[in-house]
Amino acid sequence: MSAVRREEGRVRVAIRDSGCGIPADELPHIFERFHRVPQKGGEEKAGSGLGLAISKRILELHESIIEASSRLDEGTTFTFHLAPAALH
């Protein structure tokens, strides 16, 4: 699910999934390069741990921010706020 709306001159985009969620102690690290959240039961998932770091950097270059909130067994919401300059 996603939602888009204007807030204080910015566009706010929120994207939510209904996955397994991210543990609270992992949230501060998910935007670090090569960081991968350990999976339940030790299963390995494909990925390099670069996607969120790249997304964050691109948004920063556009004077925008990204944040995440999550609940275990309910899912994660990624929200980013696009600055007016990024909208043109």
N, C-alpha and C. Protein backbone atom coordinates (compact mmCIF):
# COMPACT_ATOMS: atom_id res chain seq x y z
N MET A 1 0.84 -1.16 0.00
CA MET A 1 0.00 0.00 0.00
C MET A 1 0.89 1.24 0.00
N SER A 2 0.47 2.26 -0.68
CA SER A 2 1.22 3.51 -0.66
C SER A 2 0.26 4.68 -0.58
N ALA A 3 0.77 5.80 -0.09
CA ALA A 3 -0.03 7.01 0.02
C ALA A 3 0.85 8.20 -0.33
N VAL A 4 0.26 9.17 -1.00
CA VAL A 4 0.98 10.38 -1.38
C VAL A 4 0.14 11.57 -0.95
N ARG A 5 0.78 12.55 -0.31
CA ARG A 5 0.06 13.78 0.03
C ARG A 5 1.04 14.93 0.24
N ARG A 6 0.54 16.14 0.12
CA ARG A 6 1.36 17.33 0.34
C ARG A 6 1.33 17.70 1.82
N GLU A 7 2.51 18.04 2.35
CA GLU A 7 2.63 18.48 3.74
C GLU A 7 3.66 19.58 3.79
N GLU A 8 3.27 20.76 4.23
CA GLU A 8 4.20 21.87 4.44
C GLU A 8 5.12 22.09 3.25
N GLY A 9 4.56 22.13 2.06
CA GLY A 9 5.35 22.41 0.87
C GLY A 9 6.15 21.23 0.34
N ARG A 10 6.03 20.09 0.94
CA ARG A 10 6.72 18.88 0.49
C ARG A 10 5.68 17.84 0.10
N VAL A 11 6.13 16.86 -0.65
CA VAL A 11 5.26 15.73 -0.96
C VAL A 11 5.72 14.57 -0.09
N ARG A 12 4.77 13.99 0.64
CA ARG A 12 5.07 12.87 1.53
C ARG A 12 4.58 11.60 0.85
N VAL A 13 5.47 10.62 0.71
CA VAL A 13 5.14 9.33 0.12
C VAL A 13 5.39 8.26 1.17
N ALA A 14 4.40 7.45 1.44
CA ALA A 14 4.53 6.36 2.41
C ALA A 14 4.23 5.05 1.70
N ILE A 15 5.13 4.10 1.86
CA ILE A 15 4.97 2.77 1.25
C ILE A 15 5.01 1.75 2.38
N ARG A 16 3.96 0.94 2.47
CA ARG A 16 3.87 -0.02 3.57
C ARG A 16 3.73 -1.43 3.02
N ASP A 17 4.41 -2.37 3.68
CA ASP A 17 4.24 -3.77 3.31
C ASP A 17 3.61 -4.51 4.49
N SER A 18 3.27 -5.75 4.26
CA SER A 18 2.68 -6.57 5.33
C SER A 18 3.58 -7.76 5.62
N GLY A 19 4.88 -7.52 5.54
CA GLY A 19 5.86 -8.58 5.75
C GLY A 19 6.09 -8.88 7.22
N CYS A 20 7.24 -9.46 7.50
CA CYS A 20 7.56 -9.91 8.86
C CYS A 20 8.01 -8.79 9.78
N GLY A 21 8.28 -7.60 9.23
CA GLY A 21 8.72 -6.48 10.05
C GLY A 21 10.21 -6.51 10.33
N ILE A 22 10.71 -5.44 10.90
CA ILE A 22 12.13 -5.29 11.21
C ILE A 22 12.25 -5.06 12.71
N PRO A 23 13.10 -5.82 13.40
CA PRO A 23 13.25 -5.62 14.85
C PRO A 23 13.70 -4.19 15.17
N ALA A 24 13.22 -3.65 16.28
CA ALA A 24 13.52 -2.27 16.67
C ALA A 24 15.02 -1.99 16.76
N ASP A 25 15.80 -2.97 17.23
CA ASP A 25 17.24 -2.74 17.35
C ASP A 25 17.96 -2.72 16.00
N GLU A 26 17.30 -3.16 14.95
CA GLU A 26 17.89 -3.14 13.60
C GLU A 26 17.53 -1.86 12.84
N LEU A 27 16.43 -1.22 13.19
CA LEU A 27 15.97 -0.04 12.44
C LEU A 27 17.03 1.06 12.29
N PRO A 28 17.81 1.39 13.33
CA PRO A 28 18.81 2.45 13.16
C PRO A 28 19.89 2.11 12.13
N HIS A 29 20.00 0.86 11.73
CA HIS A 29 21.09 0.43 10.85
C HIS A 29 20.66 0.11 9.42
N ILE A 30 19.38 0.09 9.13
CA ILE A 30 18.93 -0.41 7.83
C ILE A 30 19.36 0.44 6.65
N PHE A 31 19.73 1.70 6.88
CA PHE A 31 20.17 2.56 5.79
C PHE A 31 21.69 2.56 5.63
N GLU A 32 22.40 1.75 6.42
CA GLU A 32 23.85 1.64 6.31
C GLU A 32 24.19 0.70 5.15
N ARG A 33 25.27 1.04 4.45
CA ARG A 33 25.69 0.20 3.32
C ARG A 33 26.04 -1.21 3.81
N PHE A 34 25.59 -2.18 3.07
CA PHE A 34 25.85 -3.61 3.28
C PHE A 34 25.17 -4.19 4.53
N HIS A 35 24.34 -3.41 5.20
CA HIS A 35 23.65 -3.95 6.37
C HIS A 35 22.49 -4.82 5.90
N ARG A 36 22.40 -5.99 6.48
CA ARG A 36 21.29 -6.90 6.19
C ARG A 36 20.68 -7.34 7.51
N VAL A 37 19.38 -7.27 7.59
CA VAL A 37 18.67 -7.66 8.80
C VAL A 37 18.66 -9.19 8.88
N PRO A 38 19.12 -9.75 10.00
CA PRO A 38 19.07 -11.21 10.14
C PRO A 38 17.63 -11.72 10.04
N GLN A 39 17.46 -12.81 9.34
CA GLN A 39 16.13 -13.39 9.14
C GLN A 39 15.79 -14.36 10.26
N LYS A 40 14.50 -14.51 10.51
CA LYS A 40 14.05 -15.49 11.50
C LYS A 40 14.52 -16.88 11.08
N GLY A 41 14.96 -17.66 12.01
CA GLY A 41 15.38 -19.02 11.72
C GLY A 41 16.70 -19.11 10.97
N GLY A 42 17.40 -17.99 10.83
CA GLY A 42 18.71 -17.99 10.18
C GLY A 42 18.67 -18.15 8.68
N GLU A 43 17.50 -18.05 8.06
CA GLU A 43 17.40 -18.17 6.60
C GLU A 43 18.14 -17.02 5.93
N GLU A 44 18.79 -17.31 4.82
CA GLU A 44 19.46 -16.27 4.03
C GLU A 44 18.53 -15.80 2.93
N LYS A 45 18.38 -14.51 2.79
CA LYS A 45 17.60 -13.94 1.69
C LYS A 45 18.57 -13.28 0.73
N ALA A 46 18.20 -13.25 -0.53
CA ALA A 46 19.05 -12.62 -1.54
C ALA A 46 19.13 -11.12 -1.27
N GLY A 47 20.23 -10.53 -1.66
CA GLY A 47 20.41 -9.09 -1.51
C GLY A 47 21.81 -8.76 -1.06
N SER A 48 22.19 -7.53 -1.30
CA SER A 48 23.55 -7.10 -0.95
C SER A 48 23.57 -6.11 0.20
N GLY A 49 22.41 -5.60 0.61
CA GLY A 49 22.38 -4.61 1.66
C GLY A 49 22.70 -3.21 1.16
N LEU A 50 22.53 -2.97 -0.12
CA LEU A 50 22.83 -1.66 -0.69
C LEU A 50 21.59 -0.85 -1.06
N GLY A 51 20.48 -1.48 -1.30
CA GLY A 51 19.30 -0.79 -1.82
C GLY A 51 18.83 0.39 -0.99
N LEU A 52 18.68 0.20 0.31
CA LEU A 52 18.20 1.30 1.15
C LEU A 52 19.25 2.39 1.31
N ALA A 53 20.53 2.02 1.34
CA ALA A 53 21.60 3.02 1.43
C ALA A 53 21.61 3.90 0.18
N ILE A 54 21.43 3.28 -0.98
CA ILE A 54 21.40 4.03 -2.24
C ILE A 54 20.16 4.93 -2.28
N SER A 55 19.02 4.40 -1.88
CA SER A 55 17.79 5.19 -1.86
C SER A 55 17.94 6.41 -0.97
N LYS A 56 18.50 6.21 0.21
CA LYS A 56 18.70 7.32 1.15
C LYS A 56 19.62 8.38 0.54
N ARG A 57 20.70 7.95 -0.08
CA ARG A 57 21.65 8.91 -0.66
C ARG A 57 21.02 9.71 -1.79
N ILE A 58 20.26 9.05 -2.64
CA ILE A 58 19.59 9.77 -3.74
C ILE A 58 18.63 10.82 -3.17
N LEU A 59 17.87 10.45 -2.16
CA LEU A 59 16.95 11.41 -1.56
C LEU A 59 17.70 12.56 -0.90
N GLU A 60 18.82 12.27 -0.24
CA GLU A 60 19.63 13.33 0.37
C GLU A 60 20.14 14.30 -0.68
N LEU A 61 20.54 13.79 -1.83
CA LEU A 61 21.02 14.66 -2.90
C LEU A 61 19.92 15.59 -3.41
N HIS A 62 18.68 15.20 -3.19
CA HIS A 62 17.54 16.03 -3.57
C HIS A 62 16.96 16.78 -2.37
N GLU A 63 17.79 16.91 -1.32
CA GLU A 63 17.39 17.63 -0.10
C GLU A 63 16.10 17.06 0.49
N SER A 64 16.02 15.75 0.48
CA SER A 64 14.85 15.04 0.99
C SER A 64 15.30 14.01 2.02
N ILE A 65 14.36 13.48 2.76
CA ILE A 65 14.68 12.51 3.80
C ILE A 65 13.84 11.25 3.62
N ILE A 66 14.32 10.16 4.22
CA ILE A 66 13.57 8.90 4.24
C ILE A 66 13.65 8.36 5.66
N GLU A 67 12.57 7.74 6.10
CA GLU A 67 12.55 7.14 7.43
C GLU A 67 11.75 5.85 7.36
N ALA A 68 11.92 5.04 8.39
CA ALA A 68 11.22 3.75 8.43
C ALA A 68 10.64 3.52 9.81
N SER A 69 9.50 2.88 9.84
CA SER A 69 8.92 2.41 11.09
C SER A 69 8.45 0.98 10.84
N SER A 70 8.47 0.18 11.88
CA SER A 70 8.16 -1.23 11.67
C SER A 70 7.59 -1.87 12.92
N ARG A 71 6.77 -2.88 12.70
CA ARG A 71 6.24 -3.71 13.79
C ARG A 71 6.44 -5.16 13.38
N LEU A 72 7.02 -5.92 14.28
CA LEU A 72 7.24 -7.33 14.00
C LEU A 72 5.92 -8.03 13.70
N ASP A 73 5.96 -8.89 12.71
CA ASP A 73 4.81 -9.68 12.26
C ASP A 73 3.67 -8.84 11.69
N GLU A 74 3.90 -7.54 11.47
CA GLU A 74 2.87 -6.68 10.88
C GLU A 74 3.36 -5.98 9.62
N GLY A 75 4.65 -5.65 9.57
CA GLY A 75 5.17 -5.00 8.37
C GLY A 75 5.97 -3.75 8.66
N THR A 76 6.41 -3.12 7.58
CA THR A 76 7.27 -1.94 7.65
C THR A 76 6.70 -0.84 6.76
N THR A 77 6.86 0.39 7.21
CA THR A 77 6.46 1.55 6.41
C THR A 77 7.69 2.41 6.16
N PHE A 78 7.95 2.70 4.89
CA PHE A 78 9.02 3.62 4.50
C PHE A 78 8.34 4.90 4.05
N THR A 79 8.78 6.02 4.61
CA THR A 79 8.20 7.31 4.29
C THR A 79 9.30 8.24 3.83
N PHE A 80 9.08 8.90 2.70
CA PHE A 80 10.04 9.92 2.29
C PHE A 80 9.31 11.19 1.95
N HIS A 81 10.00 12.31 2.18
CA HIS A 81 9.46 13.64 1.98
C HIS A 81 10.28 14.31 0.90
N LEU A 82 9.67 14.60 -0.23
CA LEU A 82 10.39 15.23 -1.33
C LEU A 82 10.34 16.75 -1.18
N ALA A 83 11.52 17.35 -1.23
CA ALA A 83 11.62 18.80 -1.17
C ALA A 83 11.09 19.40 -2.47
N PRO A 84 10.63 20.66 -2.44
CA PRO A 84 10.10 21.28 -3.66
C PRO A 84 11.06 21.22 -4.85
N ALA A 85 12.34 21.39 -4.63
CA ALA A 85 13.31 21.35 -5.74
C ALA A 85 13.31 19.98 -6.42
N ALA A 86 13.04 18.92 -5.66
CA ALA A 86 13.04 17.57 -6.22
C ALA A 86 11.80 17.30 -7.06
N LEU A 87 10.81 18.16 -6.97
CA LEU A 87 9.55 17.94 -7.67
C LEU A 87 9.56 18.47 -9.10
N HIS A 88 10.60 19.21 -9.48
CA HIS A 88 10.65 19.80 -10.83
C HIS A 88 11.52 19.01 -11.76
